[in-house]
Amino acid sequence: MENGQTMTWLCYLLRCADDTLYCGITNDLEKRLAAHNAGTAAKYTHARGPVELVFAEPCADRSAASKREMEIKALTRAKKLALIHSSLK
């Protein structure tokens, strides 16, 4: 990593233009968001852009981020929206 920085893994949720939610992980959120909005990051968001970041949660490492992603993906839409809402407080 550049400048001796450690990578911070994040689990994130996006709201797509069709109001659906997309969950993913990254260690470079700015770059990943740009890729989603360019239509090059994920098949799901390719036709559903533009996307808006609505939730991001730091994780200890890639493994923890992947586990959290699976947990969030298993939630109902209502529970995902509640998670987003609780992060805004």
N, C-alpha and C. Protein backbone atom coordinates (compact mmCIF):
# COMPACT_ATOMS: atom_id res chain seq x y z
N MET A 1 0.86 -1.19 0.00
CA MET A 1 0.00 0.00 0.00
C MET A 1 0.89 1.24 0.00
N GLU A 2 0.40 2.28 -0.62
CA GLU A 2 1.19 3.50 -0.72
C GLU A 2 1.30 4.21 0.63
N ASN A 3 2.37 4.93 0.83
CA ASN A 3 2.61 5.76 2.02
C ASN A 3 2.53 4.98 3.33
N GLY A 4 2.72 3.67 3.30
CA GLY A 4 2.71 2.88 4.51
C GLY A 4 1.34 2.78 5.17
N GLN A 5 0.28 3.18 4.46
CA GLN A 5 -1.06 3.10 5.03
C GLN A 5 -1.57 1.67 4.98
N THR A 6 -2.36 1.30 5.98
CA THR A 6 -2.98 -0.01 5.95
C THR A 6 -4.32 0.11 5.23
N MET A 7 -4.71 -0.95 4.57
CA MET A 7 -5.97 -0.95 3.86
C MET A 7 -7.12 -1.07 4.84
N THR A 8 -8.13 -0.27 4.67
CA THR A 8 -9.34 -0.36 5.46
C THR A 8 -10.42 -0.96 4.59
N TRP A 9 -10.93 -2.10 4.99
CA TRP A 9 -12.02 -2.73 4.25
C TRP A 9 -13.34 -2.20 4.75
N LEU A 10 -14.25 -2.00 3.82
CA LEU A 10 -15.58 -1.50 4.13
C LEU A 10 -16.63 -2.41 3.51
N CYS A 11 -17.73 -2.54 4.20
CA CYS A 11 -18.93 -3.13 3.63
C CYS A 11 -19.86 -1.95 3.38
N TYR A 12 -20.47 -1.88 2.21
CA TYR A 12 -21.26 -0.70 1.87
C TYR A 12 -22.59 -1.09 1.22
N LEU A 13 -23.53 -0.17 1.30
CA LEU A 13 -24.81 -0.31 0.63
C LEU A 13 -25.01 0.89 -0.29
N LEU A 14 -25.50 0.60 -1.49
CA LEU A 14 -25.81 1.64 -2.46
C LEU A 14 -27.31 1.63 -2.74
N ARG A 15 -27.86 2.81 -2.98
CA ARG A 15 -29.23 2.91 -3.48
C ARG A 15 -29.10 3.18 -4.97
N CYS A 16 -29.69 2.31 -5.77
CA CYS A 16 -29.64 2.45 -7.22
C CYS A 16 -30.75 3.38 -7.68
N ALA A 17 -30.66 3.82 -8.93
CA ALA A 17 -31.64 4.75 -9.49
C ALA A 17 -33.04 4.16 -9.49
N ASP A 18 -33.17 2.81 -9.54
CA ASP A 18 -34.50 2.18 -9.51
C ASP A 18 -34.96 1.89 -8.08
N ASP A 19 -34.26 2.47 -7.09
CA ASP A 19 -34.56 2.37 -5.66
C ASP A 19 -34.26 1.00 -5.06
N THR A 20 -33.55 0.14 -5.79
CA THR A 20 -33.10 -1.12 -5.20
C THR A 20 -31.81 -0.85 -4.43
N LEU A 21 -31.43 -1.81 -3.59
CA LEU A 21 -30.21 -1.68 -2.79
C LEU A 21 -29.19 -2.71 -3.24
N TYR A 22 -27.94 -2.31 -3.22
CA TYR A 22 -26.83 -3.19 -3.60
C TYR A 22 -25.80 -3.17 -2.48
N CYS A 23 -25.34 -4.35 -2.07
CA CYS A 23 -24.33 -4.46 -1.02
C CYS A 23 -23.04 -5.00 -1.61
N GLY A 24 -21.91 -4.42 -1.16
CA GLY A 24 -20.62 -4.88 -1.63
C GLY A 24 -19.53 -4.55 -0.62
N ILE A 25 -18.29 -4.92 -0.95
CA ILE A 25 -17.14 -4.60 -0.12
C ILE A 25 -16.06 -3.96 -0.97
N THR A 26 -15.20 -3.20 -0.31
CA THR A 26 -14.09 -2.55 -1.03
C THR A 26 -13.04 -2.08 -0.03
N ASN A 27 -11.86 -1.81 -0.54
CA ASN A 27 -10.84 -1.14 0.28
C ASN A 27 -10.50 0.22 -0.33
N ASP A 28 -11.28 0.64 -1.33
CA ASP A 28 -11.12 1.97 -1.95
C ASP A 28 -12.51 2.45 -2.37
N LEU A 29 -13.23 3.02 -1.43
CA LEU A 29 -14.62 3.38 -1.65
C LEU A 29 -14.81 4.38 -2.78
N GLU A 30 -13.98 5.40 -2.82
CA GLU A 30 -14.10 6.42 -3.86
C GLU A 30 -13.97 5.81 -5.25
N LYS A 31 -12.97 4.96 -5.42
CA LYS A 31 -12.73 4.31 -6.71
C LYS A 31 -13.87 3.35 -7.06
N ARG A 32 -14.36 2.63 -6.06
CA ARG A 32 -15.44 1.66 -6.29
C ARG A 32 -16.74 2.38 -6.67
N LEU A 33 -17.05 3.48 -6.00
CA LEU A 33 -18.25 4.25 -6.34
C LEU A 33 -18.18 4.78 -7.77
N ALA A 34 -17.01 5.28 -8.13
CA ALA A 34 -16.82 5.77 -9.50
C ALA A 34 -17.03 4.64 -10.51
N ALA A 35 -16.52 3.46 -10.19
CA ALA A 35 -16.69 2.31 -11.09
C ALA A 35 -18.16 1.90 -11.19
N HIS A 36 -18.87 1.91 -10.06
CA HIS A 36 -20.31 1.61 -10.10
C HIS A 36 -21.04 2.61 -10.99
N ASN A 37 -20.74 3.88 -10.82
CA ASN A 37 -21.43 4.91 -11.60
C ASN A 37 -21.01 4.92 -13.07
N ALA A 38 -19.84 4.36 -13.36
CA ALA A 38 -19.39 4.24 -14.75
C ALA A 38 -19.96 2.97 -15.39
N GLY A 39 -20.60 2.12 -14.57
CA GLY A 39 -21.18 0.89 -15.08
C GLY A 39 -20.19 -0.24 -15.24
N THR A 40 -19.03 -0.14 -14.58
CA THR A 40 -17.99 -1.15 -14.74
C THR A 40 -17.71 -1.97 -13.48
N ALA A 41 -18.44 -1.73 -12.39
CA ALA A 41 -18.11 -2.39 -11.13
C ALA A 41 -18.86 -3.70 -10.92
N ALA A 42 -20.14 -3.73 -11.23
CA ALA A 42 -20.94 -4.92 -10.97
C ALA A 42 -22.05 -5.02 -12.00
N LYS A 43 -22.36 -6.24 -12.40
CA LYS A 43 -23.42 -6.47 -13.36
C LYS A 43 -24.74 -5.88 -12.85
N TYR A 44 -25.00 -6.05 -11.56
CA TYR A 44 -26.26 -5.60 -10.98
C TYR A 44 -26.44 -4.08 -11.13
N THR A 45 -25.40 -3.32 -10.83
CA THR A 45 -25.53 -1.86 -10.86
C THR A 45 -25.33 -1.27 -12.26
N HIS A 46 -24.83 -2.08 -13.18
CA HIS A 46 -24.54 -1.60 -14.54
C HIS A 46 -25.75 -0.90 -15.17
N ALA A 47 -26.92 -1.53 -15.08
CA ALA A 47 -28.12 -0.97 -15.70
C ALA A 47 -28.99 -0.19 -14.71
N ARG A 48 -28.50 -0.03 -13.48
CA ARG A 48 -29.31 0.61 -12.45
C ARG A 48 -28.70 1.91 -11.92
N GLY A 49 -27.75 2.47 -12.65
CA GLY A 49 -27.11 3.69 -12.21
C GLY A 49 -27.93 4.91 -12.54
N PRO A 50 -27.59 6.04 -11.98
CA PRO A 50 -26.48 6.21 -11.03
C PRO A 50 -26.83 5.65 -9.65
N VAL A 51 -25.77 5.40 -8.88
CA VAL A 51 -25.95 4.87 -7.54
C VAL A 51 -25.53 5.92 -6.52
N GLU A 52 -26.06 5.77 -5.31
CA GLU A 52 -25.75 6.68 -4.22
C GLU A 52 -25.35 5.86 -3.01
N LEU A 53 -24.24 6.23 -2.38
CA LEU A 53 -23.81 5.55 -1.16
C LEU A 53 -24.76 5.92 -0.03
N VAL A 54 -25.33 4.90 0.64
CA VAL A 54 -26.26 5.17 1.73
C VAL A 54 -25.78 4.57 3.06
N PHE A 55 -24.75 3.71 3.01
CA PHE A 55 -24.26 3.08 4.24
C PHE A 55 -22.86 2.54 3.98
N ALA A 56 -21.98 2.73 4.96
CA ALA A 56 -20.64 2.15 4.89
C ALA A 56 -20.20 1.80 6.31
N GLU A 57 -19.62 0.63 6.46
CA GLU A 57 -19.21 0.15 7.77
C GLU A 57 -17.79 -0.40 7.68
N PRO A 58 -16.85 0.15 8.46
CA PRO A 58 -15.50 -0.37 8.43
C PRO A 58 -15.43 -1.78 9.02
N CYS A 59 -14.57 -2.59 8.45
CA CYS A 59 -14.38 -3.98 8.91
C CYS A 59 -12.89 -4.21 9.15
N ALA A 60 -12.59 -5.18 9.98
CA ALA A 60 -11.21 -5.45 10.38
C ALA A 60 -10.32 -5.86 9.21
N ASP A 61 -10.86 -6.65 8.29
CA ASP A 61 -10.09 -7.15 7.15
C ASP A 61 -11.06 -7.62 6.07
N ARG A 62 -10.51 -8.14 4.98
CA ARG A 62 -11.35 -8.57 3.86
C ARG A 62 -12.32 -9.67 4.28
N SER A 63 -11.84 -10.59 5.08
CA SER A 63 -12.68 -11.70 5.54
C SER A 63 -13.87 -11.19 6.34
N ALA A 64 -13.61 -10.26 7.26
CA ALA A 64 -14.68 -9.69 8.08
C ALA A 64 -15.67 -8.91 7.20
N ALA A 65 -15.16 -8.21 6.21
CA ALA A 65 -16.02 -7.46 5.30
C ALA A 65 -16.91 -8.40 4.50
N SER A 66 -16.35 -9.51 4.03
CA SER A 66 -17.13 -10.49 3.28
C SER A 66 -18.22 -11.12 4.14
N LYS A 67 -17.87 -11.42 5.39
CA LYS A 67 -18.87 -11.99 6.30
C LYS A 67 -19.99 -11.00 6.56
N ARG A 68 -19.64 -9.74 6.77
CA ARG A 68 -20.65 -8.72 7.01
C ARG A 68 -21.53 -8.52 5.76
N GLU A 69 -20.91 -8.57 4.59
CA GLU A 69 -21.67 -8.46 3.34
C GLU A 69 -22.73 -9.57 3.26
N MET A 70 -22.35 -10.79 3.59
CA MET A 70 -23.29 -11.91 3.55
C MET A 70 -24.42 -11.71 4.57
N GLU A 71 -24.07 -11.19 5.74
CA GLU A 71 -25.09 -10.91 6.76
C GLU A 71 -26.10 -9.88 6.26
N ILE A 72 -25.58 -8.81 5.68
CA ILE A 72 -26.46 -7.74 5.20
C ILE A 72 -27.30 -8.21 4.03
N LYS A 73 -26.71 -8.98 3.12
CA LYS A 73 -27.47 -9.48 1.97
C LYS A 73 -28.61 -10.40 2.42
N ALA A 74 -28.45 -11.05 3.56
CA ALA A 74 -29.49 -11.95 4.07
C ALA A 74 -30.65 -11.20 4.73
N LEU A 75 -30.46 -9.91 5.00
CA LEU A 75 -31.51 -9.12 5.64
C LEU A 75 -32.65 -8.83 4.65
N THR A 76 -33.83 -8.62 5.20
CA THR A 76 -34.94 -8.15 4.37
C THR A 76 -34.67 -6.70 3.97
N ARG A 77 -35.38 -6.24 2.97
CA ARG A 77 -35.23 -4.84 2.55
C ARG A 77 -35.54 -3.90 3.72
N ALA A 78 -36.59 -4.22 4.47
CA ALA A 78 -36.97 -3.37 5.61
C ALA A 78 -35.84 -3.29 6.63
N LYS A 79 -35.17 -4.40 6.88
CA LYS A 79 -34.07 -4.40 7.85
C LYS A 79 -32.86 -3.66 7.30
N LYS A 80 -32.64 -3.73 5.99
CA LYS A 80 -31.55 -2.96 5.38
C LYS A 80 -31.83 -1.47 5.51
N LEU A 81 -33.08 -1.08 5.27
CA LEU A 81 -33.45 0.33 5.40
C LEU A 81 -33.31 0.80 6.83
N ALA A 82 -33.66 -0.07 7.80
CA ALA A 82 -33.49 0.27 9.21
C ALA A 82 -32.01 0.44 9.54
N LEU A 83 -31.14 -0.40 8.98
CA LEU A 83 -29.69 -0.28 9.19
C LEU A 83 -29.19 1.05 8.64
N ILE A 84 -29.66 1.42 7.46
CA ILE A 84 -29.28 2.70 6.85
C ILE A 84 -29.74 3.85 7.74
N HIS A 85 -30.98 3.77 8.17
CA HIS A 85 -31.55 4.83 9.01
C HIS A 85 -30.78 4.97 10.33
N SER A 86 -30.44 3.84 10.94
CA SER A 86 -29.73 3.89 12.24
C SER A 86 -28.32 4.46 12.09
N SER A 87 -27.73 4.34 10.91
CA SER A 87 -26.38 4.88 10.70
C SER A 87 -26.40 6.40 10.53
N LEU A 88 -27.57 6.96 10.26
CA LEU A 88 -27.69 8.40 10.04
C LEU A 88 -27.83 9.17 11.34
N LYS A 89 -28.06 8.49 12.43
CA LYS A 89 -28.27 9.15 13.73
C LYS A 89 -26.98 9.56 14.36
